[in-house]
Amino acid sequence: MRIFMTGASGYIGSVVAEKAIEQGHEVVGLARSRASEEKLKKLGVTPFSGDLESLDRLTRGAAEADAVLHLGFVHDFTRPYEELIGIDKSAVRAMAQGIAGTGKPLITTSGTGVTAPDPNGAETNEDSPLDADPVLKLRAGAETDALSLAASGIRVNVIRLAPYVYGRGGSVFVPVLLKAAATHGFAPYVGSGAHRTSSANVDDVAQLYLLTMEKGTPGATFNGSTETDISLLELAKAIGAAVGVPAKSVPRSEADAICGAFIARFIEIGNRASSEKARRELGWQPQSKLGLLEDIADGSYRVFAEGLRQKA
């Protein structure tokens, strides 16, 4: 199968591409720069020049493929988030145009954060109420827009990623929190830290994308999480211990200043997203041996954390 990917040179996308190639697929990856092209070539991915605003290129890349996996996003947060979501919607629609009426799969990416935490701390699922936060409502709107494309003969699915996708020493949230702890002399959390959050190992997430591509029911959304019982206090303690500093509760405004408003939200609120649907419908069986806290303490983040301690 020929797979057209956005975000193939990124943290999660590169692992998805690696797994797809291992399974015998041909992967073509959108490349917005020479550096991206070189990284893709090293992965065994065929570069396809363009970016998420090159709509004609996206349509062509999709049209030449048997499946489309969309993991890219414009991370230029000097631009209004509404504008970034608009770019994402237009990109998805451009790729959909290339495979309209074919029944070929189009897998897009969102986050479990679009769902409001259960008021009693229970797990949520894909049908749970959405969060009222204005930023997260924009993200949820992009989901709705993507799913509406099923009416165009496209086998569209959405994967909602857990906040803490981890492993291989990468991710977005974990390195940011480790750097923040090393810089400020404490690992921040907001409130009591009693709320629990979700995580997912990046290798398991990569398999989820490929299973969804193969088996996803048109219009279905799947949560990608492998743990849902990590308290935010436990997470802060693990982050702090990794760089040799204590955990500390701070007001939300201070957390915003330390690690940015978006990430600060996820060291304050609960996010317990069940992946039972993906396991049941797709046969997803996560294989990760280390949970998030173990990986921070004595796994793939150990070298990175030790480097931060030496610089402190």
Protein backbone atom coordinates (compact mmCIF):
# COMPACT_ATOMS: atom_id res chain seq x y z
CA MET A 1 0.00 0.00 0.00
CA ARG A 2 1.21 3.51 -0.82
CA ILE A 3 0.66 5.82 2.17
CA PHE A 4 0.77 9.60 1.92
CA MET A 5 1.68 11.16 5.28
CA THR A 6 1.88 14.63 6.75
CA GLY A 7 4.05 14.98 9.84
CA ALA A 8 6.15 11.97 8.85
CA SER A 9 9.35 13.65 10.02
CA GLY A 10 7.87 14.51 13.43
CA TYR A 11 8.05 12.67 16.73
CA ILE A 12 5.00 10.43 16.32
CA GLY A 13 4.89 10.47 12.53
CA SER A 14 8.43 9.16 12.16
CA VAL A 15 7.54 6.12 14.26
CA VAL A 16 4.34 5.56 12.26
CA ALA A 17 6.39 5.71 9.06
CA GLU A 18 8.97 3.30 10.46
CA LYS A 19 6.28 0.76 11.45
CA ALA A 20 4.50 1.13 8.11
CA ILE A 21 7.70 0.42 6.18
CA GLU A 22 8.39 -2.59 8.42
CA GLN A 23 4.97 -3.91 7.39
CA GLY A 24 5.87 -3.58 3.72
CA HIS A 25 4.10 -0.33 2.89
CA GLU A 26 5.55 2.44 0.75
CA VAL A 27 5.48 5.78 2.59
CA VAL A 28 5.50 9.19 0.92
CA GLY A 29 5.97 12.08 3.34
CA LEU A 30 5.20 15.77 2.97
CA ALA A 31 8.46 17.74 3.37
CA ARG A 32 8.48 21.48 3.89
CA SER A 33 12.27 21.91 4.03
CA ARG A 34 15.54 20.36 2.92
CA ALA A 35 16.12 19.20 6.51
CA SER A 36 12.77 17.39 6.51
CA GLU A 37 13.60 15.77 3.18
CA GLU A 38 16.90 14.44 4.52
CA LYS A 39 15.27 13.10 7.67
CA LEU A 40 12.57 11.35 5.65
CA LYS A 41 15.14 9.76 3.33
CA LYS A 42 16.98 8.33 6.34
CA LEU A 43 13.70 6.78 7.48
CA GLY A 44 13.17 5.20 4.08
CA VAL A 45 10.33 7.62 3.27
CA THR A 46 10.00 9.24 -0.16
CA PRO A 47 9.89 13.04 0.30
CA PHE A 48 7.06 15.00 -1.35
CA SER A 49 7.76 18.73 -1.33
CA GLY A 50 5.14 21.06 0.12
CA ASP A 51 3.57 22.17 3.37
CA LEU A 52 0.11 22.27 4.94
CA GLU A 53 -0.73 25.44 3.05
CA SER A 54 0.23 23.95 -0.34
CA LEU A 55 -3.30 22.76 -1.05
CA ASP A 56 -2.75 21.66 -4.64
CA ARG A 57 0.25 19.59 -3.55
CA LEU A 58 -1.76 17.97 -0.77
CA THR A 59 -4.52 17.02 -3.20
CA ARG A 60 -2.00 15.51 -5.59
CA GLY A 61 -0.15 13.60 -2.86
CA ALA A 62 -3.38 12.11 -1.60
CA ALA A 63 -4.65 11.25 -5.08
CA GLU A 64 -1.52 9.23 -5.78
CA ALA A 65 -1.85 7.22 -2.57
CA ASP A 66 -3.91 4.30 -1.27
CA ALA A 67 -4.26 5.83 2.19
CA VAL A 68 -3.64 9.20 3.86
CA LEU A 69 -2.36 9.69 7.42
CA HIS A 70 -2.50 13.27 8.66
CA LEU A 71 -0.25 13.94 11.66
CA GLY A 72 1.08 17.35 10.66
CA PHE A 73 0.15 20.67 12.25
CA VAL A 74 1.51 24.20 11.93
CA HIS A 75 3.17 24.88 15.30
CA ASP A 76 3.75 28.58 14.75
CA PHE A 77 1.99 29.83 17.89
CA THR A 78 2.82 33.43 17.04
CA ARG A 79 -0.23 33.07 14.80
CA PRO A 80 -3.76 32.93 16.27
CA TYR A 81 -4.81 29.38 17.12
CA GLU A 82 -8.01 29.86 15.17
CA GLU A 83 -5.87 30.54 12.10
CA LEU A 84 -3.83 27.38 12.69
CA ILE A 85 -7.01 25.31 12.98
CA GLY A 86 -8.22 26.90 9.75
CA ILE A 87 -5.03 25.76 8.02
CA ASP A 88 -5.57 22.26 9.37
CA LYS A 89 -9.16 22.12 8.12
CA SER A 90 -8.18 23.34 4.67
CA ALA A 91 -5.35 20.82 4.48
CA VAL A 92 -7.65 17.93 5.39
CA ARG A 93 -10.22 19.04 2.82
CA ALA A 94 -7.52 19.33 0.14
CA MET A 95 -6.34 15.78 0.80
CA ALA A 96 -9.92 14.56 0.89
CA GLN A 97 -10.46 16.05 -2.55
CA GLY A 98 -7.72 13.79 -3.87
CA ILE A 99 -9.43 10.60 -2.69
CA ALA A 100 -13.11 11.61 -2.88
CA GLY A 101 -15.40 8.76 -3.91
CA THR A 102 -12.68 6.11 -3.61
CA GLY A 103 -13.39 4.72 -0.15
CA LYS A 104 -9.70 5.13 0.65
CA PRO A 105 -8.85 5.80 4.32
CA LEU A 106 -8.03 9.27 5.65
CA ILE A 107 -6.83 9.26 9.27
CA THR A 108 -6.62 12.61 11.05
CA THR A 109 -5.23 13.53 14.45
CA SER A 110 -6.75 15.21 17.49
CA GLY A 111 -6.37 14.91 21.26
CA THR A 112 -8.30 13.41 24.15
CA GLY A 113 -8.25 16.87 25.70
CA VAL A 114 -11.26 17.87 23.59
CA THR A 115 -13.36 15.79 25.98
CA ALA A 116 -14.37 17.34 29.29
CA PRO A 117 -13.04 15.48 32.34
CA ASP A 118 -15.66 13.38 34.09
CA PRO A 119 -16.89 15.33 37.16
CA ASN A 120 -16.46 12.23 39.31
CA GLY A 121 -13.01 11.37 38.02
CA ALA A 122 -14.15 8.37 35.97
CA GLU A 123 -12.79 7.46 32.56
CA THR A 124 -14.26 9.18 29.51
CA ASN A 125 -14.79 7.76 26.03
CA GLU A 126 -15.25 8.96 22.47
CA ASP A 127 -18.91 9.84 23.12
CA SER A 128 -18.35 11.83 26.31
CA PRO A 129 -19.26 15.56 26.37
CA LEU A 130 -16.77 17.95 24.82
CA ASP A 131 -14.84 20.51 26.85
CA ALA A 132 -16.13 24.09 26.85
CA ASP A 133 -12.64 25.61 26.69
CA PRO A 134 -12.55 27.93 23.63
CA VAL A 135 -9.23 26.57 22.33
CA LEU A 136 -10.31 22.96 22.72
CA LYS A 137 -13.64 23.73 21.06
CA LEU A 138 -11.69 24.86 17.99
CA ARG A 139 -9.82 21.54 17.98
CA ALA A 140 -13.10 19.65 18.33
CA GLY A 141 -14.50 21.67 15.43
CA ALA A 142 -11.68 20.42 13.24
CA GLU A 143 -12.66 16.86 14.17
CA THR A 144 -16.27 17.48 13.19
CA ASP A 145 -15.20 19.02 9.90
CA ALA A 146 -13.00 16.04 9.10
CA LEU A 147 -15.66 13.47 9.99
CA SER A 148 -18.18 15.21 7.75
CA LEU A 149 -16.05 14.10 4.79
CA ALA A 150 -17.38 10.56 5.14
CA ALA A 151 -20.30 11.79 3.02
CA SER A 152 -17.80 12.23 0.15
CA GLY A 153 -16.99 8.53 -0.03
CA ILE A 154 -13.93 8.74 2.18
CA ARG A 155 -13.20 6.31 4.99
CA VAL A 156 -12.33 9.04 7.46
CA ASN A 157 -11.32 8.42 11.07
CA VAL A 158 -9.99 10.57 13.92
CA ILE A 159 -7.40 9.41 16.43
CA ARG A 160 -7.42 11.34 19.69
CA LEU A 161 -3.99 11.17 21.28
CA ALA A 162 -3.42 11.17 25.03
CA PRO A 163 -1.70 14.33 26.38
CA TYR A 164 1.43 12.41 27.27
CA VAL A 165 2.60 10.41 24.28
CA TYR A 166 6.01 9.23 25.40
CA GLY A 167 8.95 6.97 24.62
CA ARG A 168 12.19 7.00 22.63
CA GLY A 169 13.25 10.04 24.65
CA GLY A 170 10.91 12.32 22.74
CA SER A 171 7.39 13.81 22.84
CA VAL A 172 6.15 17.36 23.32
CA PHE A 173 5.07 17.55 26.94
CA VAL A 174 7.71 15.47 28.73
CA PRO A 175 10.85 17.32 27.52
CA VAL A 176 9.14 20.69 28.13
CA LEU A 177 8.31 19.71 31.71
CA LEU A 178 11.81 18.33 32.32
CA LYS A 179 13.39 21.54 31.01
CA ALA A 180 11.02 23.69 33.06
CA ALA A 181 11.84 21.76 36.24
CA ALA A 182 15.59 22.04 35.65
CA THR A 183 15.32 25.75 34.86
CA HIS A 184 13.09 26.79 37.76
CA GLY A 185 14.34 24.40 40.43
CA PHE A 186 11.03 22.58 40.91
CA ALA A 187 8.55 20.53 38.91
CA PRO A 188 5.25 22.42 38.81
CA TYR A 189 1.73 21.11 39.14
CA VAL A 190 -1.48 23.02 39.80
CA GLY A 191 -3.74 22.48 42.79
CA SER A 192 -3.50 19.28 44.80
CA GLY A 193 -2.24 17.14 41.94
CA ALA A 194 -4.93 14.56 42.70
CA HIS A 195 -6.42 14.57 39.20
CA ARG A 196 -5.32 11.71 36.99
CA THR A 197 -4.17 11.85 33.38
CA SER A 198 -3.62 9.61 30.35
CA SER A 199 -0.51 8.56 28.49
CA ALA A 200 0.42 6.38 25.53
CA ASN A 201 3.68 4.87 24.33
CA VAL A 202 4.66 6.20 20.91
CA ASP A 203 5.27 2.74 19.45
CA ASP A 204 1.80 1.64 20.52
CA VAL A 205 0.32 4.83 19.05
CA ALA A 206 2.03 4.11 15.74
CA GLN A 207 0.39 0.70 15.62
CA LEU A 208 -2.97 2.32 16.35
CA TYR A 209 -2.67 4.52 13.26
CA LEU A 210 -1.93 1.52 11.06
CA LEU A 211 -4.73 -0.57 12.53
CA THR A 212 -7.15 2.30 12.03
CA MET A 213 -6.00 2.60 8.42
CA GLU A 214 -6.72 -1.09 7.90
CA LYS A 215 -9.87 -1.64 9.95
CA GLY A 216 -11.44 1.66 10.99
CA THR A 217 -15.19 1.99 10.48
CA PRO A 218 -15.93 5.15 8.45
CA GLY A 219 -16.64 8.11 10.71
CA ALA A 220 -15.27 6.49 13.87
CA THR A 221 -13.10 8.24 16.46
CA PHE A 222 -10.61 6.32 18.60
CA ASN A 223 -8.85 7.30 21.81
CA GLY A 224 -5.18 6.35 21.91
CA SER A 225 -4.20 5.83 25.55
CA THR A 226 -2.35 3.07 27.37
CA GLU A 227 -2.58 4.43 30.96
CA THR A 228 -5.31 6.48 32.64
CA ASP A 229 -4.34 6.40 36.32
CA ILE A 230 -1.30 8.69 36.60
CA SER A 231 -1.90 11.41 39.17
CA LEU A 232 -0.53 14.81 38.29
CA LEU A 233 1.32 14.85 41.62
CA GLU A 234 3.01 11.54 40.75
CA LEU A 235 3.95 12.93 37.37
CA ALA A 236 5.45 16.10 38.86
CA LYS A 237 7.42 14.04 41.39
CA ALA A 238 8.79 11.82 38.61
CA ILE A 239 9.76 14.85 36.53
CA GLY A 240 11.39 16.51 39.51
CA ALA A 241 13.27 13.40 40.63
CA ALA A 242 14.65 12.93 37.12
CA VAL A 243 16.41 16.31 37.24
CA GLY A 244 17.02 16.38 41.00
CA VAL A 245 14.44 18.94 42.15
CA PRO A 246 11.23 18.76 44.23
CA ALA A 247 7.65 18.92 42.97
CA LYS A 248 5.75 22.08 43.85
CA SER A 249 2.14 23.22 43.58
CA VAL A 250 1.82 26.62 41.91
CA PRO A 251 -1.09 28.86 40.83
CA ARG A 252 -2.27 28.38 37.26
CA SER A 253 -0.93 31.81 36.28
CA GLU A 254 2.57 30.81 37.39
CA ALA A 255 2.29 27.48 35.58
CA ASP A 256 1.33 29.36 32.41
CA ALA A 257 4.52 31.42 32.69
CA ILE A 258 6.69 28.39 33.38
CA CYS A 259 5.60 25.98 30.64
CA GLY A 260 3.05 27.82 28.49
CA ALA A 261 -0.71 28.07 28.85
CA PHE A 262 -1.51 25.00 26.74
CA ILE A 263 0.74 22.57 28.61
CA ALA A 264 -0.14 24.18 31.95
CA ARG A 265 -3.73 23.12 31.41
CA PHE A 266 -2.62 19.51 31.39
CA ILE A 267 -0.75 19.72 34.69
CA GLU A 268 -3.98 20.93 36.29
CA ILE A 269 -6.97 19.00 34.92
CA GLY A 270 -7.91 15.36 34.75
CA ASN A 271 -7.79 13.50 31.45
CA ARG A 272 -8.75 9.83 31.75
CA ALA A 273 -9.49 8.71 28.20
CA SER A 274 -10.45 5.06 27.82
CA SER A 275 -9.11 3.22 24.77
CA GLU A 276 -11.52 0.32 25.16
CA LYS A 277 -13.15 1.09 21.81
CA ALA A 278 -9.86 0.85 19.89
CA ARG A 279 -9.01 -2.40 21.64
CA ARG A 280 -12.44 -3.87 20.94
CA GLU A 281 -13.02 -2.70 17.36
CA LEU A 282 -9.47 -2.69 16.00
CA GLY A 283 -7.84 -5.36 18.11
CA TRP A 284 -5.31 -2.83 19.39
CA GLN A 285 -3.03 -4.46 21.97
CA PRO A 286 -0.49 -2.03 23.44
CA GLN A 287 2.86 -3.72 24.08
CA SER A 288 4.79 -1.07 26.02
CA LYS A 289 6.83 -2.51 28.88
CA LEU A 290 7.45 0.81 30.66
CA GLY A 291 4.72 3.20 31.75
CA LEU A 292 5.21 6.95 31.55
CA LEU A 293 6.58 7.34 35.08
CA GLU A 294 8.97 4.42 34.70
CA ASP A 295 10.21 5.71 31.37
CA ILE A 296 10.94 9.11 32.91
CA ALA A 297 12.69 7.57 35.91
CA ASP A 298 14.77 4.87 34.28
CA GLY A 299 13.96 4.61 30.60
CA SER A 300 14.35 6.59 27.42
CA TYR A 301 14.44 10.02 29.16
CA ARG A 302 17.28 9.15 31.50
CA VAL A 303 20.10 10.55 29.35
CA PHE A 304 18.17 13.72 28.53
CA ALA A 305 17.36 14.31 32.21
CA GLU A 306 20.95 13.67 33.29
CA GLY A 307 22.12 16.26 30.76
CA LEU A 308 19.77 18.82 32.25
CA ARG A 309 21.04 18.04 35.75
CA GLN A 310 24.63 18.60 34.66
CA LYS A 311 23.77 21.99 33.18
CA ALA A 312 21.84 23.14 36.25
